[in-house]
N, C-alpha and C. Protein backbone atom coordinates (compact mmCIF):
# COMPACT_ATOMS: atom_id res chain seq x y z
N UNK A 1 -12.05 -13.63 -11.50
CA UNK A 1 -10.96 -13.34 -11.67
C UNK A 1 -9.56 -14.12 -11.54
N UNK A 2 -8.82 -13.85 -12.21
CA UNK A 2 -7.71 -15.16 -12.15
C UNK A 2 -6.44 -14.53 -11.38
N UNK A 3 -5.86 -15.07 -10.53
CA UNK A 3 -4.64 -14.36 -9.70
C UNK A 3 -3.49 -15.34 -9.55
N UNK A 4 -2.70 -14.95 -9.80
CA UNK A 4 -1.30 -15.85 -9.71
C UNK A 4 -0.77 -15.61 -8.31
N UNK A 5 -0.38 -16.80 -7.76
CA UNK A 5 0.04 -16.87 -6.42
C UNK A 5 1.90 -17.07 -6.37
N UNK A 6 2.41 -16.19 -5.59
CA UNK A 6 3.91 -16.41 -5.86
C UNK A 6 4.40 -17.58 -4.85
N UNK A 7 5.39 -18.47 -5.13
CA UNK A 7 5.78 -19.58 -4.47
C UNK A 7 6.84 -19.05 -3.80
N UNK A 8 6.64 -19.05 -2.37
CA UNK A 8 7.40 -18.49 -1.36
C UNK A 8 8.52 -19.96 -1.16
N UNK A 9 9.92 -19.43 -0.73
CA UNK A 9 10.92 -20.71 -0.26
C UNK A 9 9.97 -21.39 1.26
N UNK A 10 9.68 -20.49 1.82
CA UNK A 10 8.88 -20.50 3.38
C UNK A 10 7.83 -19.39 3.47
N UNK A 11 6.71 -19.83 3.15
CA UNK A 11 5.58 -18.86 3.02
C UNK A 11 5.39 -18.21 4.63
N UNK A 12 5.05 -17.07 4.83
CA UNK A 12 4.76 -16.77 6.38
C UNK A 12 3.56 -16.86 6.55
N UNK A 13 3.23 -17.28 7.82
CA UNK A 13 2.02 -17.53 8.37
C UNK A 13 1.47 -16.30 9.36
N UNK A 14 2.76 -15.72 9.74
CA UNK A 14 2.46 -14.78 10.87
C UNK A 14 3.26 -13.50 10.34
N UNK A 15 2.54 -12.69 9.98
CA UNK A 15 3.24 -10.97 9.50
C UNK A 15 3.13 -10.22 10.21
N UNK A 16 1.69 -10.24 11.19
CA UNK A 16 1.70 -9.00 12.30
C UNK A 16 0.89 -9.18 13.30
N UNK A 17 1.14 -8.77 14.06
CA UNK A 17 0.54 -8.89 15.53
C UNK A 17 -0.53 -7.49 15.53
N UNK A 18 -1.85 -7.99 15.79
CA UNK A 18 -3.07 -6.96 16.12
C UNK A 18 -3.60 -7.16 17.33
N UNK A 19 -3.98 -5.69 17.49
CA UNK A 19 -4.93 -5.46 18.82
C UNK A 19 -6.08 -4.67 18.35
N UNK A 20 -7.25 -5.15 18.57
CA UNK A 20 -8.46 -4.30 18.13
C UNK A 20 -9.13 -3.84 19.29
N UNK A 21 -9.63 -2.61 19.21
CA UNK A 21 -10.55 -1.98 20.20
C UNK A 21 -12.16 -1.56 19.83
N UNK A 22 -13.33 -1.91 20.19
CA UNK A 22 -14.29 -1.78 19.56
C UNK A 22 -14.97 -0.59 20.21
N UNK A 23 -15.83 -0.20 19.56
CA UNK A 23 -17.00 1.01 20.25
C UNK A 23 -16.00 2.02 20.48
N UNK A 24 -15.41 2.95 19.76
CA UNK A 24 -14.21 3.90 20.04
C UNK A 24 -15.22 4.97 19.34
N UNK A 25 -15.32 6.38 19.94
CA UNK A 25 -15.85 7.29 18.76
C UNK A 25 -14.54 7.92 18.45
N UNK A 26 -14.64 9.12 17.54
CA UNK A 26 -13.74 9.59 17.33
C UNK A 26 -12.58 10.20 17.60
N UNK A 27 -13.21 10.87 19.08
CA UNK A 27 -12.31 11.64 19.84
C UNK A 27 -11.25 10.65 20.77
N UNK A 28 -12.04 9.48 21.10
CA UNK A 28 -11.36 8.52 21.90
C UNK A 28 -10.12 8.03 20.89
N UNK A 29 -10.54 7.66 19.58
CA UNK A 29 -9.38 7.36 18.73
C UNK A 29 -8.32 8.41 18.61
N UNK A 30 -8.68 9.99 18.81
CA UNK A 30 -7.56 10.77 18.71
C UNK A 30 -6.49 10.56 19.95
N UNK A 31 -7.43 10.68 20.83
CA UNK A 31 -6.81 10.49 22.11
C UNK A 31 -5.62 9.29 22.32
N UNK A 32 -6.13 8.45 21.73
CA UNK A 32 -5.08 7.28 21.52
C UNK A 32 -3.79 7.65 20.94
N UNK A 33 -4.13 8.32 19.78
CA UNK A 33 -2.92 8.28 19.09
C UNK A 33 -2.20 9.23 19.60
N UNK A 34 -2.24 10.25 20.22
CA UNK A 34 -1.82 11.47 20.69
C UNK A 34 -1.10 10.58 22.13
N UNK A 35 -1.54 9.92 22.79
CA UNK A 35 -0.86 9.08 23.72
C UNK A 35 -0.07 8.46 23.59
N UNK A 36 -0.14 7.72 22.60
CA UNK A 36 1.10 6.85 22.27
C UNK A 36 2.37 7.71 21.32
N UNK A 37 1.50 8.53 20.88
CA UNK A 37 2.78 9.59 19.83
C UNK A 37 3.12 9.05 18.36
N UNK A 38 3.82 9.69 17.89
CA UNK A 38 4.29 9.50 16.55
C UNK A 38 5.39 8.59 16.21
N UNK A 39 6.60 8.69 17.57
CA UNK A 39 7.65 7.58 17.43
C UNK A 39 7.21 6.38 17.78
N UNK A 40 6.65 5.40 16.62
CA UNK A 40 6.56 4.39 17.03
C UNK A 40 6.40 3.18 15.87
N UNK A 41 6.56 1.77 15.94
CA UNK A 41 6.31 1.22 14.61
C UNK A 41 5.02 0.81 14.27
N UNK A 42 4.05 0.72 15.29
CA UNK A 42 2.70 0.18 15.08
C UNK A 42 1.66 1.10 14.22
N UNK A 43 1.01 0.60 13.26
CA UNK A 43 0.01 1.35 12.67
C UNK A 43 -1.40 1.75 12.99
N UNK A 44 -2.03 2.67 13.05
CA UNK A 44 -3.66 2.46 13.65
C UNK A 44 -4.22 2.59 12.11
N UNK A 45 -5.33 1.90 12.39
CA UNK A 45 -6.44 2.04 11.25
C UNK A 45 -7.77 1.98 12.04
N UNK A 46 -8.51 3.12 11.49
CA UNK A 46 -9.89 3.28 12.36
C UNK A 46 -10.78 3.29 11.41
N UNK A 47 -12.06 2.65 11.79
CA UNK A 47 -13.04 2.59 10.94
C UNK A 47 -14.42 2.63 11.66
N UNK A 48 -15.26 3.57 11.69
CA UNK A 48 -16.36 4.00 12.30
C UNK A 48 -16.43 3.27 13.61
N UNK A 49 -15.76 3.51 14.45
CA UNK A 49 -15.65 2.80 15.99
C UNK A 49 -14.83 1.66 16.26
N UNK A 50 -14.40 1.01 15.28
CA UNK A 50 -13.46 -0.12 15.28
C UNK A 50 -11.79 0.54 15.02
N UNK A 51 -10.94 0.14 16.25
CA UNK A 51 -9.80 0.78 16.03
C UNK A 51 -8.67 -0.49 15.96
N UNK A 52 -7.96 -0.52 14.95
CA UNK A 52 -6.88 -1.70 15.04
C UNK A 52 -5.51 -1.27 15.02
N UNK A 53 -4.70 -1.83 16.09
CA UNK A 53 -3.50 -1.58 15.95
C UNK A 53 -2.63 -2.38 15.91
N UNK A 54 -1.88 -2.24 14.58
CA UNK A 54 -0.93 -3.32 13.69
C UNK A 54 0.43 -3.42 13.84
N UNK A 55 0.97 -4.35 14.73
CA UNK A 55 2.55 -4.27 14.86
C UNK A 55 3.28 -5.28 14.02
N UNK A 56 4.05 -4.37 12.83
CA UNK A 56 4.64 -5.68 11.97
C UNK A 56 5.47 -6.33 12.35
N UNK A 57 5.66 -7.61 11.67
CA UNK A 57 6.80 -8.36 11.78
C UNK A 57 7.82 -8.50 10.87
N UNK A 58 8.71 -9.58 10.86
CA UNK A 58 9.84 -9.15 9.69
C UNK A 58 9.19 -9.70 8.32
N UNK A 59 8.40 -10.78 8.14
CA UNK A 59 7.85 -10.87 6.71
C UNK A 59 6.94 -9.57 6.18
N UNK A 60 6.31 -8.94 7.09
CA UNK A 60 5.48 -7.67 6.93
C UNK A 60 6.35 -6.99 6.12
N UNK A 61 7.41 -6.46 7.07
CA UNK A 61 8.28 -5.25 6.84
C UNK A 61 9.03 -5.71 5.45
N UNK A 62 9.17 -6.81 5.18
CA UNK A 62 10.44 -7.03 3.93
C UNK A 62 9.42 -6.67 2.77
N UNK A 63 8.37 -7.55 3.10
CA UNK A 63 7.32 -7.11 1.52
C UNK A 63 6.93 -5.77 1.44
N UNK A 64 6.72 -5.12 2.83
CA UNK A 64 6.58 -3.44 2.46
C UNK A 64 7.77 -3.24 1.76
N UNK A 65 8.75 -3.01 2.46
CA UNK A 65 10.00 -2.46 1.61
C UNK A 65 10.22 -2.76 0.15
N UNK A 66 10.01 -3.79 -0.02
CA UNK A 66 10.29 -4.44 -1.19
C UNK A 66 9.18 -3.72 -2.36
N UNK A 67 7.90 -3.65 -1.64
CA UNK A 67 7.17 -3.47 -2.92
C UNK A 67 7.14 -2.17 -2.87
N UNK A 68 7.52 -1.28 -2.31
CA UNK A 68 7.85 -0.23 -2.28
C UNK A 68 8.83 0.28 -2.92
N UNK A 69 9.81 -0.55 -3.12
CA UNK A 69 11.16 -0.15 -4.30
C UNK A 69 10.66 -0.73 -5.35
N UNK A 70 9.99 -1.65 -5.27
CA UNK A 70 9.52 -1.96 -6.90
C UNK A 70 8.58 -0.77 -7.41
N UNK A 71 7.81 -0.16 -7.05
CA UNK A 71 7.10 0.94 -7.26
C UNK A 71 7.69 1.94 -7.68
N UNK A 72 8.77 2.39 -6.83
CA UNK A 72 9.68 3.48 -6.86
C UNK A 72 10.52 3.31 -8.42
N UNK A 73 10.87 1.95 -8.19
CA UNK A 73 11.95 1.60 -9.52
C UNK A 73 11.20 1.83 -10.98
N UNK A 74 9.85 1.26 -10.88
CA UNK A 74 9.05 1.89 -12.27
C UNK A 74 8.57 2.76 -12.20
N UNK A 75 8.79 3.81 -11.29
CA UNK A 75 8.34 5.36 -11.45
C UNK A 75 9.70 6.09 -11.97
N UNK A 76 10.77 5.84 -11.41
CA UNK A 76 11.98 6.10 -12.15
C UNK A 76 12.18 5.81 -13.56
N UNK A 77 12.16 4.50 -13.78
CA UNK A 77 12.51 4.07 -15.02
C UNK A 77 11.45 4.69 -16.28
N UNK A 78 10.23 4.84 -15.79
CA UNK A 78 8.94 5.43 -16.82
C UNK A 78 9.39 6.88 -16.76
N UNK A 79 9.98 7.35 -16.23
CA UNK A 79 10.35 8.93 -16.10
C UNK A 79 8.96 9.84 -15.22
N UNK A 80 8.39 9.08 -14.47
CA UNK A 80 7.08 9.75 -13.71
C UNK A 80 7.75 10.43 -12.62
N UNK A 81 6.86 11.08 -11.99
CA UNK A 81 7.21 11.75 -10.38
C UNK A 81 6.41 11.15 -9.45
N UNK A 82 6.73 11.32 -8.40
CA UNK A 82 6.38 10.80 -7.16
C UNK A 82 6.54 11.44 -5.84
N UNK A 83 5.53 11.32 -4.83
CA UNK A 83 5.56 12.14 -3.64
C UNK A 83 5.11 10.99 -2.84
N UNK A 84 6.18 10.22 -1.90
CA UNK A 84 6.00 9.05 -0.88
C UNK A 84 5.47 9.65 0.18
N UNK A 85 4.48 8.69 0.99
CA UNK A 85 3.74 9.44 1.97
C UNK A 85 4.14 8.12 3.23
N UNK A 86 4.56 7.30 2.48
CA UNK A 86 4.88 6.20 3.60
C UNK A 86 3.66 5.82 4.40
N UNK A 87 3.56 5.73 5.64
CA UNK A 87 2.49 5.58 6.51
C UNK A 87 1.83 6.69 6.98
N UNK A 88 1.90 7.86 6.59
CA UNK A 88 1.12 9.08 7.18
C UNK A 88 -0.25 8.85 7.34
N UNK A 89 -0.81 9.24 8.58
CA UNK A 89 -1.57 8.98 8.77
C UNK A 89 -2.94 9.67 8.04
N UNK A 90 -3.75 9.09 7.33
CA UNK A 90 -4.89 9.37 6.53
C UNK A 90 -5.98 9.61 7.20
N UNK A 91 -6.35 10.49 7.86
CA UNK A 91 -7.59 10.88 8.84
C UNK A 91 -8.75 11.60 7.73
N UNK A 92 -9.91 11.04 8.35
CA UNK A 92 -11.23 11.76 7.41
C UNK A 92 -12.24 11.63 8.56
N UNK A 93 -12.19 12.94 9.29
CA UNK A 93 -13.22 12.75 10.28
C UNK A 93 -14.55 12.96 10.00
N UNK A 94 -14.72 13.44 8.45
CA UNK A 94 -16.28 13.29 7.91
C UNK A 94 -16.68 12.14 7.65
N UNK A 95 -15.58 11.07 7.49
CA UNK A 95 -16.00 9.55 7.18
C UNK A 95 -15.87 8.85 8.47
N UNK A 96 -15.47 9.43 9.38
CA UNK A 96 -15.34 8.75 10.74
C UNK A 96 -14.36 7.31 10.25
N UNK A 97 -13.24 7.90 9.29
CA UNK A 97 -12.24 6.84 9.16
C UNK A 97 -10.84 7.49 9.18
N UNK A 98 -10.09 6.40 9.49
CA UNK A 98 -8.53 6.88 9.39
C UNK A 98 -7.72 5.77 9.49
N UNK A 99 -6.48 5.91 8.48
CA UNK A 99 -5.47 4.71 8.15
C UNK A 99 -4.17 5.21 8.24
N UNK A 100 -3.52 4.18 8.74
CA UNK A 100 -1.87 4.62 8.25
C UNK A 100 -1.44 3.54 7.50
N UNK A 101 -1.44 3.52 6.14
CA UNK A 101 -1.32 2.30 5.03
C UNK A 101 0.17 2.07 5.19
N UNK A 102 0.58 0.99 4.65
CA UNK A 102 1.94 0.34 4.89
C UNK A 102 2.81 1.36 3.91
N UNK A 103 2.21 1.74 2.51
CA UNK A 103 2.73 2.66 1.62
C UNK A 103 1.78 3.51 1.06
N UNK A 104 2.23 4.96 0.66
CA UNK A 104 0.97 5.40 0.10
C UNK A 104 1.77 6.54 -1.12
N UNK A 105 1.28 6.77 -2.05
CA UNK A 105 1.95 7.41 -3.14
C UNK A 105 1.06 8.31 -3.94
N UNK A 106 1.57 9.85 -4.13
CA UNK A 106 0.89 10.77 -5.15
C UNK A 106 2.07 10.37 -6.32
N UNK A 107 1.27 10.21 -7.28
CA UNK A 107 1.85 10.04 -8.78
C UNK A 107 1.37 10.76 -9.85
N UNK A 108 0.08 10.45 -10.48
CA UNK A 108 -0.51 11.30 -11.11
C UNK A 108 -0.67 12.71 -10.69
N UNK A 109 -0.92 12.58 -9.28
CA UNK A 109 -1.37 14.26 -8.75
C UNK A 109 -0.11 14.89 -8.04
N UNK A 110 0.96 14.02 -8.31
CA UNK A 110 2.35 14.77 -7.69
C UNK A 110 2.28 16.20 -7.55
N UNK A 111 2.10 16.74 -9.19
CA UNK A 111 2.37 18.20 -9.14
C UNK A 111 1.10 19.01 -8.21
N UNK A 112 0.41 18.35 -8.05
CA UNK A 112 -0.58 18.98 -6.88
C UNK A 112 -0.23 19.20 -5.45
N UNK A 113 0.87 18.31 -4.97
CA UNK A 113 1.00 18.29 -3.73
C UNK A 113 2.66 18.31 -3.49
N UNK A 114 3.16 18.39 -4.34
CA UNK A 114 4.75 18.47 -4.51
C UNK A 114 5.28 19.85 -3.60
N UNK A 115 6.02 19.21 -2.69
CA UNK A 115 6.70 20.61 -1.69
C UNK A 115 5.89 21.05 -0.95
N UNK A 116 4.84 20.32 -0.34
CA UNK A 116 3.96 20.76 0.48
C UNK A 116 3.34 20.03 1.57
N UNK A 117 3.02 20.47 2.76
CA UNK A 117 2.06 18.93 3.56
C UNK A 117 1.07 18.90 3.26
N UNK A 118 0.34 17.89 2.82
CA UNK A 118 -0.63 17.36 2.23
C UNK A 118 -1.88 17.69 3.43
N UNK A 119 -3.04 17.90 2.82
CA UNK A 119 -4.16 18.46 3.77
C UNK A 119 -5.19 17.97 3.00
N UNK A 120 -5.67 16.54 3.57
CA UNK A 120 -6.99 15.83 3.01
C UNK A 120 -8.15 16.74 2.95
N UNK A 121 -8.25 17.55 3.67
CA UNK A 121 -9.15 18.58 3.53
C UNK A 121 -9.48 19.46 2.08
N UNK A 122 -8.25 19.54 1.63
CA UNK A 122 -8.11 20.45 0.29
C UNK A 122 -7.65 19.38 -0.73
N UNK A 123 -6.60 18.50 -0.31
CA UNK A 123 -5.85 17.94 -1.56
C UNK A 123 -6.73 16.64 -1.92
N UNK A 124 -6.31 15.96 -2.98
CA UNK A 124 -6.83 14.50 -3.37
C UNK A 124 -6.27 13.65 -2.39
N UNK A 125 -6.83 12.71 -2.19
CA UNK A 125 -6.32 11.47 -1.72
C UNK A 125 -4.80 10.96 -2.50
N UNK A 126 -4.21 10.24 -1.96
CA UNK A 126 -3.11 9.33 -2.68
C UNK A 126 -3.48 8.57 -3.62
N UNK A 127 -2.75 8.58 -4.65
CA UNK A 127 -3.12 7.96 -6.16
C UNK A 127 -3.11 6.25 -6.14
N UNK A 128 -2.13 5.98 -4.88
CA UNK A 128 -1.99 4.39 -5.05
C UNK A 128 -1.42 4.11 -3.45
N UNK A 129 -2.41 3.21 -2.61
CA UNK A 129 -1.99 2.83 -1.30
C UNK A 129 -1.97 1.39 -1.47
N UNK A 130 -0.59 1.02 -0.58
CA UNK A 130 -0.45 -0.62 -0.44
C UNK A 130 -0.52 -0.75 0.84
N UNK A 131 -1.10 -2.31 1.18
CA UNK A 131 -1.36 -2.75 2.72
C UNK A 131 -0.80 -4.15 2.43
N UNK A 132 -0.12 -4.59 3.25
CA UNK A 132 0.42 -5.65 3.23
C UNK A 132 -0.21 -6.56 4.54
N UNK A 133 -1.11 -7.46 4.46
CA UNK A 133 -2.04 -8.17 5.73
C UNK A 133 -1.78 -9.56 5.30
N UNK A 134 -0.52 -10.12 6.18
CA UNK A 134 -0.46 -11.83 5.97
C UNK A 134 -1.68 -12.26 7.08
N UNK A 135 -1.35 -11.78 8.26
CA UNK A 135 -2.77 -12.18 9.30
C UNK A 135 -3.84 -11.52 9.07
N UNK A 136 -4.90 -12.21 9.52
CA UNK A 136 -6.62 -11.57 9.57
C UNK A 136 -6.48 -10.37 10.05
N UNK A 137 -7.19 -9.41 9.55
CA UNK A 137 -7.47 -8.07 9.84
C UNK A 137 -9.08 -8.08 9.89
N UNK A 138 -9.47 -7.32 10.97
CA UNK A 138 -10.96 -7.11 10.99
C UNK A 138 -11.49 -5.76 10.16
N UNK A 139 -10.62 -5.00 9.48
CA UNK A 139 -10.85 -3.75 9.24
C UNK A 139 -11.44 -4.08 7.91
N UNK A 140 -12.30 -3.66 7.18
CA UNK A 140 -12.68 -3.78 5.57
C UNK A 140 -11.77 -2.85 4.84
N UNK A 141 -10.65 -3.16 4.24
CA UNK A 141 -9.80 -1.96 3.67
C UNK A 141 -10.36 -1.57 2.40
N UNK A 142 -10.79 -2.42 1.69
CA UNK A 142 -11.56 -2.25 0.55
C UNK A 142 -12.65 -1.22 0.25
N UNK A 143 -13.36 -1.28 1.63
CA UNK A 143 -14.36 -0.29 1.68
C UNK A 143 -14.10 0.96 2.47
N UNK A 144 -12.69 0.94 3.15
CA UNK A 144 -12.25 2.13 3.89
C UNK A 144 -11.68 3.18 2.70
N UNK A 145 -10.60 2.21 1.97
CA UNK A 145 -10.30 3.28 1.10
C UNK A 145 -10.66 3.48 -0.20
N UNK A 146 -11.77 2.89 -0.29
CA UNK A 146 -12.74 3.55 -1.53
C UNK A 146 -13.62 4.60 -0.91
N UNK A 147 -13.83 4.69 0.33
CA UNK A 147 -14.53 5.87 0.71
C UNK A 147 -13.94 6.86 0.96
N UNK A 148 -12.47 6.59 0.88
CA UNK A 148 -11.51 7.99 0.79
C UNK A 148 -11.34 8.47 -0.66
N UNK A 149 -11.87 7.84 -1.45
CA UNK A 149 -11.43 7.95 -2.84
C UNK A 149 -10.22 7.56 -3.44
N UNK A 150 -9.21 6.59 -2.88
CA UNK A 150 -8.30 6.56 -3.18
C UNK A 150 -8.22 5.58 -4.81
N UNK A 151 -7.80 5.93 -5.73
CA UNK A 151 -7.73 5.43 -7.13
C UNK A 151 -7.28 4.28 -7.31
N UNK A 152 -6.46 3.93 -6.76
CA UNK A 152 -5.60 2.51 -6.94
C UNK A 152 -5.17 1.57 -5.47
N UNK A 153 -5.53 0.45 -5.40
CA UNK A 153 -5.13 -0.23 -3.89
C UNK A 153 -4.42 -1.46 -4.40
N UNK A 154 -3.19 -1.34 -3.65
CA UNK A 154 -2.75 -2.92 -3.82
C UNK A 154 -2.84 -3.43 -2.50
N UNK A 155 -2.91 -4.85 -2.46
CA UNK A 155 -2.98 -5.65 -1.39
C UNK A 155 -2.22 -7.07 -1.54
N UNK A 156 -1.20 -7.16 -0.65
CA UNK A 156 -0.66 -8.45 -0.90
C UNK A 156 -0.48 -9.36 0.73
N UNK A 157 -1.01 -10.74 0.73
CA UNK A 157 -0.87 -11.38 1.74
C UNK A 157 0.10 -12.11 2.06
N UNK A 158 1.36 -12.20 1.31
CA UNK A 158 2.36 -13.13 1.40
C UNK A 158 2.42 -14.08 0.23
N UNK A 159 1.70 -14.41 -0.29
CA UNK A 159 1.50 -15.05 -1.13
C UNK A 159 0.91 -14.54 -2.56
N UNK A 160 -0.11 -13.93 -2.51
CA UNK A 160 -1.29 -13.49 -3.55
C UNK A 160 -1.07 -12.08 -3.69
N UNK A 161 -1.20 -11.26 -4.71
CA UNK A 161 -1.16 -9.70 -4.72
C UNK A 161 -2.12 -9.65 -5.38
N UNK A 162 -3.09 -8.52 -5.32
CA UNK A 162 -4.09 -7.98 -6.16
C UNK A 162 -4.01 -6.76 -5.81
N UNK A 163 -4.47 -6.30 -7.19
CA UNK A 163 -4.49 -4.79 -7.68
C UNK A 163 -6.17 -4.53 -8.05
N UNK A 164 -6.46 -3.51 -7.02
CA UNK A 164 -7.89 -2.93 -7.22
C UNK A 164 -7.86 -1.48 -7.61
N UNK A 165 -8.95 -1.23 -8.92
CA UNK A 165 -9.25 0.23 -9.23
C UNK A 165 -10.46 0.39 -8.91
N UNK A 166 -10.37 1.72 -8.24
CA UNK A 166 -11.93 2.28 -8.27
C UNK A 166 -12.77 2.74 -9.26
N UNK A 167 -13.67 2.24 -9.34
CA UNK A 167 -14.92 2.41 -10.17
C UNK A 167 -16.12 2.71 -9.51
N UNK A 168 -16.34 4.08 -9.77
CA UNK A 168 -17.60 4.34 -9.13
C UNK A 168 -17.28 4.68 -7.27
N UNK A 169 -18.08 4.00 -6.61
CA UNK A 169 -17.97 3.91 -5.50
C UNK A 169 -17.19 2.50 -4.85
N UNK A 170 -16.45 1.66 -5.66
CA UNK A 170 -16.19 0.48 -4.90
C UNK A 170 -14.99 0.17 -6.03
N UNK A 171 -14.37 -1.03 -5.43
CA UNK A 171 -13.38 -1.40 -6.13
C UNK A 171 -13.43 -2.62 -6.80
N UNK A 172 -12.72 -2.40 -8.03
CA UNK A 172 -12.86 -3.96 -8.72
C UNK A 172 -11.61 -4.38 -8.86
N UNK A 173 -11.16 -5.65 -8.63
CA UNK A 173 -10.26 -6.17 -9.44
C UNK A 173 -9.67 -6.09 -10.49
N UNK A 174 -8.38 -5.79 -10.93
CA UNK A 174 -7.84 -5.97 -12.20
C UNK A 174 -6.66 -6.77 -12.18
N UNK A 175 -6.08 -6.90 -13.42
CA UNK A 175 -5.02 -7.60 -13.52
C UNK A 175 -3.84 -6.53 -13.96
N UNK A 176 -4.23 -5.36 -14.44
CA UNK A 176 -3.24 -4.55 -14.95
C UNK A 176 -3.24 -3.31 -14.22
N UNK A 177 -2.42 -2.96 -13.56
CA UNK A 177 -2.36 -1.70 -12.74
C UNK A 177 -2.79 -0.35 -13.64
N UNK A 178 -3.43 0.35 -13.08
CA UNK A 178 -3.90 1.61 -14.05
C UNK A 178 -2.35 2.74 -14.21
N UNK A 179 -1.73 2.45 -12.95
CA UNK A 179 -0.84 3.50 -13.18
C UNK A 179 0.49 2.84 -13.99
N UNK A 180 0.71 1.65 -13.90
CA UNK A 180 1.90 0.80 -14.62
C UNK A 180 1.31 -0.09 -15.29
N UNK A 181 0.46 0.41 -16.52
CA UNK A 181 -0.23 -0.70 -17.44
C UNK A 181 0.51 -1.65 -18.26
N UNK A 182 1.91 -1.09 -18.55
CA UNK A 182 2.98 -1.83 -19.43
C UNK A 182 3.37 -2.80 -18.63
N UNK A 183 3.38 -2.82 -17.34
CA UNK A 183 4.05 -3.93 -16.52
C UNK A 183 2.85 -5.24 -16.11
N UNK A 184 3.12 -6.03 -16.53
CA UNK A 184 2.41 -7.15 -15.91
C UNK A 184 2.50 -7.81 -14.38
N UNK A 185 1.25 -8.09 -13.77
CA UNK A 185 1.72 -8.25 -12.46
C UNK A 185 2.75 -9.54 -12.12
N UNK A 186 3.10 -10.53 -13.19
CA UNK A 186 4.04 -11.38 -13.03
C UNK A 186 5.18 -10.79 -12.50
N UNK A 187 5.71 -9.69 -12.88
CA UNK A 187 6.74 -9.10 -12.73
C UNK A 187 6.77 -8.66 -11.34
N UNK A 188 5.98 -8.27 -10.69
CA UNK A 188 6.03 -8.35 -9.15
C UNK A 188 6.61 -9.48 -8.50
N UNK A 189 5.72 -10.48 -8.70
CA UNK A 189 6.14 -11.92 -8.31
C UNK A 189 7.45 -12.22 -8.43
N UNK A 190 7.99 -11.83 -9.66
CA UNK A 190 9.32 -12.34 -10.24
C UNK A 190 10.40 -11.76 -9.21
N UNK A 191 9.94 -10.06 -8.83
CA UNK A 191 10.67 -9.58 -8.35
C UNK A 191 10.85 -9.76 -7.14
N UNK A 192 9.87 -10.19 -6.43
CA UNK A 192 9.92 -10.43 -5.04
C UNK A 192 10.56 -11.96 -4.79
N UNK A 193 10.34 -12.84 -5.51
CA UNK A 193 10.89 -13.94 -5.53
C UNK A 193 12.20 -14.02 -5.61
N UNK A 194 12.83 -13.14 -6.65
CA UNK A 194 14.02 -13.20 -6.64
C UNK A 194 14.99 -12.36 -5.63
N UNK A 195 14.26 -10.94 -4.87
CA UNK A 195 14.55 -10.33 -3.79
C UNK A 195 14.69 -11.19 -2.30
N UNK A 196 14.13 -12.48 -2.24
CA UNK A 196 14.43 -13.16 -1.35
C UNK A 196 15.97 -13.78 -1.14
N UNK A 197 16.49 -13.88 -2.50
CA UNK A 197 17.80 -14.40 -2.35
C UNK A 197 18.78 -13.46 -2.71
N UNK A 198 18.40 -12.23 -3.46
CA UNK A 198 19.20 -11.30 -3.76
C UNK A 198 18.61 -9.55 -4.10
N UNK A 199 18.49 -9.12 -3.24
CA UNK A 199 17.64 -7.79 -3.19
C UNK A 199 18.45 -6.89 -4.42
N UNK A 200 19.44 -6.84 -4.42
CA UNK A 200 20.31 -6.09 -5.55
C UNK A 200 20.06 -6.72 -6.92
N UNK A 201 20.12 -7.76 -7.01
CA UNK A 201 20.16 -8.55 -8.47
C UNK A 201 18.43 -8.55 -8.65
N UNK A 202 17.56 -8.60 -7.82
CA UNK A 202 16.35 -8.26 -8.14
C UNK A 202 16.07 -6.97 -8.70
N UNK A 203 16.50 -5.83 -8.16
CA UNK A 203 16.59 -4.51 -8.70
C UNK A 203 16.83 -4.45 -10.18
N UNK A 204 18.17 -4.81 -10.36
CA UNK A 204 18.91 -4.84 -11.50
C UNK A 204 18.57 -5.76 -12.77
N UNK A 205 17.63 -7.02 -12.46
CA UNK A 205 16.75 -7.47 -13.44
C UNK A 205 15.45 -6.84 -13.83
N UNK A 206 14.93 -6.14 -12.86
CA UNK A 206 13.84 -5.31 -13.17
C UNK A 206 14.18 -4.18 -13.92
N UNK A 207 15.13 -3.49 -13.70
CA UNK A 207 15.37 -2.11 -14.54
C UNK A 207 15.79 -2.70 -15.87
N UNK A 208 16.63 -3.67 -15.88
CA UNK A 208 16.95 -4.11 -17.47
C UNK A 208 15.73 -4.53 -18.04
N UNK A 209 14.65 -5.21 -17.68
CA UNK A 209 13.71 -5.77 -18.17
C UNK A 209 13.09 -4.71 -18.73
N UNK A 210 12.72 -3.39 -17.96
CA UNK A 210 12.01 -2.39 -18.43
C UNK A 210 12.73 -1.49 -19.09
N UNK A 211 13.91 -1.64 -19.28
CA UNK A 211 14.48 -0.79 -20.27
C UNK A 211 14.43 -1.59 -21.29
N UNK A 212 14.46 -2.84 -21.40
CA UNK A 212 14.54 -3.89 -22.79
C UNK A 212 12.79 -3.50 -23.42
N UNK A 213 11.90 -3.13 -22.75
CA UNK A 213 10.43 -3.03 -22.98
C UNK A 213 10.50 -1.44 -23.91
N UNK A 214 11.18 -0.71 -23.18
CA UNK A 214 11.18 0.60 -23.79
C UNK A 214 11.80 0.64 -25.02
N UNK A 215 12.79 0.08 -25.36
CA UNK A 215 13.63 -0.37 -26.41
C UNK A 215 12.87 -0.75 -27.59
N UNK A 216 11.77 -1.98 -27.20
CA UNK A 216 11.04 -2.59 -27.94
C UNK A 216 10.08 -2.01 -28.34
N UNK A 217 9.39 -1.04 -27.86
CA UNK A 217 8.19 -0.22 -28.11
C UNK A 217 8.39 0.80 -29.12
């Protein structure tokens, strides 16, 4: 699979700080979540006994925010609907797994969850999840989100972005997003590169490009 790397002016080497706990059962994980509370910037990821607490740094937050904007601009320009979940915790006790992704969205299934609080025991998982992992993580996130049935997973490490589509029980890397098939992945790289110098200009360029594509179709 060919992937294109983004050439950064100053490629980040540290994007997050992480603390790992092993051999924790579900009840211990939930106790830690309650003890620390919801008013925090750290994200929890729990996978069958392993709890990773991630504390984002500047580079992580830049890419998290800008990739989120990129997705929102695409949704808006293509006339789609969206329910933004942000880092809402996706707990699945039946799988012994839980995660607070960097960004999560309902797009195709937005009508099923619009105007309500999502309950994963009844509602489908988010259609698209995004994770920024610039520094090493011990959690096998492809396996984690595949087990939850998330149809599309984007991952970015500060240089390379990868798009995964759920096929059966596992992810396959693809070059074209199933959600935004008319937008080549290079547009994300171009958007992030331009945003390093001018975020508003990057938005304007992206929106102009999308509108031109719609005219040409």
